[in-house]
Amino acid sequence: MHNVYIGLGSNLKDRFTNIKLALYYLATIGKIVKKSSLYKSSPVENKHQPYFLNCVVKLVTKLLPYKLLKKLKKIEKKLGRKKSKKRYQPRTIDLDILLYDKKIIKSKNLTIPHEKLHKRKFVVWPLAEIAPNFVHPVLKKKIREIKKELRDKSQKIWRIYE
């Protein structure tokens, strides 16, 4: 069994329901053993879009990384995510593998740990809530240390639901 941290985000339609449904489908591919609070966050890359709802879960699964990625893409599609040639567009749901055990993977289709994890409050805040002492396998820092160092004031984030 593998310990995986997955980031969830939604900024289209009923964001709360999108997150709830994604959690339901994630529970079909593994066991959700921890879930962060729900956060509202400002968009980071493309600022001209609605605010996001975000959370992070710890999932215990048998799936290997590429198989897990394939399942996450199927869940996104099922929940109405549309393919876009442009990056950072509004979406009904976004599911990202943030961490997978202590693995480091860098390929065309998959990077673990997520390459921008340490730069994004909407990932670091909920991750620090459920895994403050997890050591980032590349940066060799605890998640709570990464949170403390992330001081980008342009990123707004509020915990809205525990």
Protein backbone atom coordinates (compact mmCIF):
# COMPACT_ATOMS: atom_id res chain seq x y z
CA MET A 1 0.00 0.00 0.00
CA HIS A 2 1.16 3.51 -0.79
CA ASN A 3 0.64 6.81 1.02
CA VAL A 4 -0.30 9.53 -1.42
CA TYR A 5 -1.20 13.18 -0.89
CA ILE A 6 -3.63 14.54 -3.45
CA GLY A 7 -4.57 18.19 -3.93
CA LEU A 8 -8.13 18.99 -4.94
CA GLY A 9 -9.27 22.29 -6.42
CA SER A 10 -12.42 23.65 -8.07
CA ASN A 11 -13.46 27.07 -9.33
CA LEU A 12 -16.36 26.40 -11.68
CA LYS A 13 -20.04 25.70 -11.05
CA ASP A 14 -20.84 24.37 -7.56
CA ARG A 15 -17.30 24.16 -6.19
CA PHE A 16 -18.31 22.55 -2.90
CA THR A 17 -20.25 19.77 -4.66
CA ASN A 18 -17.37 19.23 -7.09
CA ILE A 19 -14.98 18.68 -4.17
CA LYS A 20 -17.48 16.40 -2.40
CA LEU A 21 -17.96 14.26 -5.52
CA ALA A 22 -14.21 14.08 -6.12
CA LEU A 23 -13.76 12.82 -2.54
CA TYR A 24 -16.44 10.20 -3.18
CA TYR A 25 -14.64 8.95 -6.31
CA LEU A 26 -11.22 9.06 -4.63
CA ALA A 27 -12.61 6.73 -1.97
CA THR A 28 -13.24 4.16 -4.73
CA ILE A 29 -9.52 3.96 -5.62
CA GLY A 30 -8.12 3.93 -2.08
CA LYS A 31 -8.87 4.79 1.50
CA ILE A 32 -8.94 8.45 2.52
CA VAL A 33 -7.21 8.43 5.91
CA LYS A 34 -6.86 12.20 6.38
CA LYS A 35 -8.57 15.24 4.90
CA SER A 36 -7.68 18.87 5.42
CA SER A 37 -10.09 21.69 6.01
CA LEU A 38 -11.56 23.37 2.96
CA TYR A 39 -9.80 26.56 1.87
CA LYS A 40 -10.80 29.42 -0.41
CA SER A 41 -7.88 30.73 -2.44
CA SER A 42 -7.11 33.28 -5.08
CA PRO A 43 -6.04 32.03 -8.51
CA VAL A 44 -2.26 32.08 -8.90
CA GLU A 45 -1.13 31.79 -12.52
CA ASN A 46 -4.16 33.15 -14.40
CA LYS A 47 -5.60 35.77 -12.05
CA HIS A 48 -8.68 36.52 -14.18
CA GLN A 49 -10.89 33.68 -13.01
CA PRO A 50 -13.04 32.81 -9.99
CA TYR A 51 -11.55 31.93 -6.60
CA PHE A 52 -10.90 28.26 -5.87
CA LEU A 53 -11.98 25.87 -3.16
CA ASN A 54 -9.08 23.59 -2.21
CA CYS A 55 -8.22 20.77 0.14
CA VAL A 56 -5.67 17.98 0.42
CA VAL A 57 -6.25 14.33 1.29
CA LYS A 58 -3.99 11.51 2.31
CA LEU A 59 -5.00 8.45 0.32
CA VAL A 60 -3.76 4.93 0.94
CA THR A 61 -3.87 3.02 -2.32
CA LYS A 62 -2.51 -0.03 -4.13
CA LEU A 63 -2.23 1.91 -7.38
CA LEU A 64 1.21 2.68 -8.76
CA PRO A 65 1.90 6.32 -9.76
CA TYR A 66 1.01 6.20 -13.48
CA LYS A 67 -2.09 4.08 -12.88
CA LEU A 68 -3.16 6.51 -10.15
CA LEU A 69 -2.66 9.46 -12.52
CA LYS A 70 -4.83 7.73 -15.13
CA LYS A 71 -7.60 7.18 -12.54
CA LEU A 72 -7.42 10.83 -11.42
CA LYS A 73 -7.79 11.99 -15.04
CA LYS A 74 -10.87 9.77 -15.39
CA ILE A 75 -12.41 11.30 -12.25
CA GLU A 76 -11.70 14.81 -13.58
CA LYS A 77 -13.39 13.94 -16.87
CA LYS A 78 -16.38 12.37 -15.07
CA LEU A 79 -16.81 15.61 -13.10
CA GLY A 80 -16.86 17.73 -16.24
CA ARG A 81 -13.28 18.94 -16.59
CA LYS A 82 -12.67 20.01 -20.15
CA LYS A 83 -9.34 19.64 -21.91
CA SER A 84 -7.75 22.99 -22.74
CA LYS A 85 -4.67 23.84 -24.72
CA LYS A 86 -4.11 26.80 -22.40
CA ARG A 87 -2.83 26.08 -18.91
CA TYR A 88 -4.32 27.45 -15.69
CA GLN A 89 -7.88 27.83 -16.95
CA PRO A 90 -10.99 27.64 -14.74
CA ARG A 91 -12.01 24.04 -14.00
CA THR A 92 -14.72 22.03 -12.34
CA ILE A 93 -12.10 19.88 -10.63
CA ASP A 94 -8.34 19.55 -10.53
CA LEU A 95 -6.72 16.52 -8.90
CA ASP A 96 -2.95 16.60 -8.46
CA ILE A 97 -0.62 13.99 -7.02
CA LEU A 98 1.44 16.10 -4.64
CA LEU A 99 3.49 13.40 -2.91
CA TYR A 100 3.66 9.63 -3.36
CA ASP A 101 5.42 7.86 -0.50
CA LYS A 102 8.90 9.40 -0.61
CA LYS A 103 9.24 8.85 -4.36
CA ILE A 104 10.85 11.23 -6.80
CA ILE A 105 9.57 10.90 -10.37
CA LYS A 106 10.32 13.27 -13.23
CA SER A 107 8.88 12.37 -16.60
CA LYS A 108 6.98 14.06 -19.42
CA ASN A 109 3.60 13.10 -17.93
CA LEU A 110 4.25 13.05 -14.20
CA THR A 111 6.42 14.90 -11.69
CA ILE A 112 6.42 13.82 -8.04
CA PRO A 113 6.69 15.69 -5.77
CA HIS A 114 4.49 18.16 -7.65
CA GLU A 115 6.92 20.67 -9.10
CA LYS A 116 5.13 23.77 -7.76
CA LEU A 117 3.94 22.34 -4.43
CA HIS A 118 6.32 24.46 -2.34
CA LYS A 119 5.31 27.70 -4.10
CA ARG A 120 1.55 27.47 -3.68
CA LYS A 121 -0.29 28.40 -0.50
CA PHE A 122 -3.43 26.58 -1.68
CA VAL A 123 -1.41 23.35 -1.50
CA VAL A 124 0.99 24.04 1.36
CA TRP A 125 -1.61 25.30 3.88
CA PRO A 126 -3.91 22.25 3.71
CA LEU A 127 -0.94 19.88 3.38
CA ALA A 128 0.69 21.37 6.49
CA GLU A 129 -2.57 20.84 8.34
CA ILE A 130 -2.55 17.06 7.76
CA ALA A 131 1.16 16.30 7.25
CA PRO A 132 3.26 19.01 8.95
CA ASN A 133 6.23 16.69 9.57
CA PHE A 134 6.33 15.01 6.16
CA VAL A 135 9.75 15.70 4.64
CA HIS A 136 9.66 16.91 1.04
CA PRO A 137 11.89 14.33 -0.73
CA VAL A 138 13.63 16.91 -2.94
CA LEU A 139 13.84 19.98 -0.71
CA LYS A 140 14.58 17.91 2.44
CA LYS A 141 12.36 20.23 4.50
CA LYS A 142 9.28 19.49 6.58
CA ILE A 143 6.02 20.76 5.12
CA ARG A 144 5.53 23.06 8.13
CA GLU A 145 8.93 24.65 7.37
CA ILE A 146 7.93 25.17 3.74
CA LYS A 147 4.71 26.82 4.95
CA LYS A 148 6.63 29.15 7.24
CA GLU A 149 8.93 30.20 4.38
CA LEU A 150 6.13 30.77 1.85
CA ARG A 151 5.45 34.48 2.19
CA ASP A 152 4.00 35.39 -1.21
CA LYS A 153 1.49 38.10 -0.26
CA SER A 154 -0.14 38.02 -3.70
CA GLN A 155 -1.61 34.61 -2.84
CA LYS A 156 -4.74 34.94 -0.72
CA ILE A 157 -6.06 31.99 1.27
CA TRP A 158 -8.73 31.47 3.94
CA ARG A 159 -9.72 28.35 5.81
CA ILE A 160 -13.49 28.24 5.45
CA TYR A 161 -14.63 24.80 6.54
CA GLU A 162 -13.10 22.23 8.87
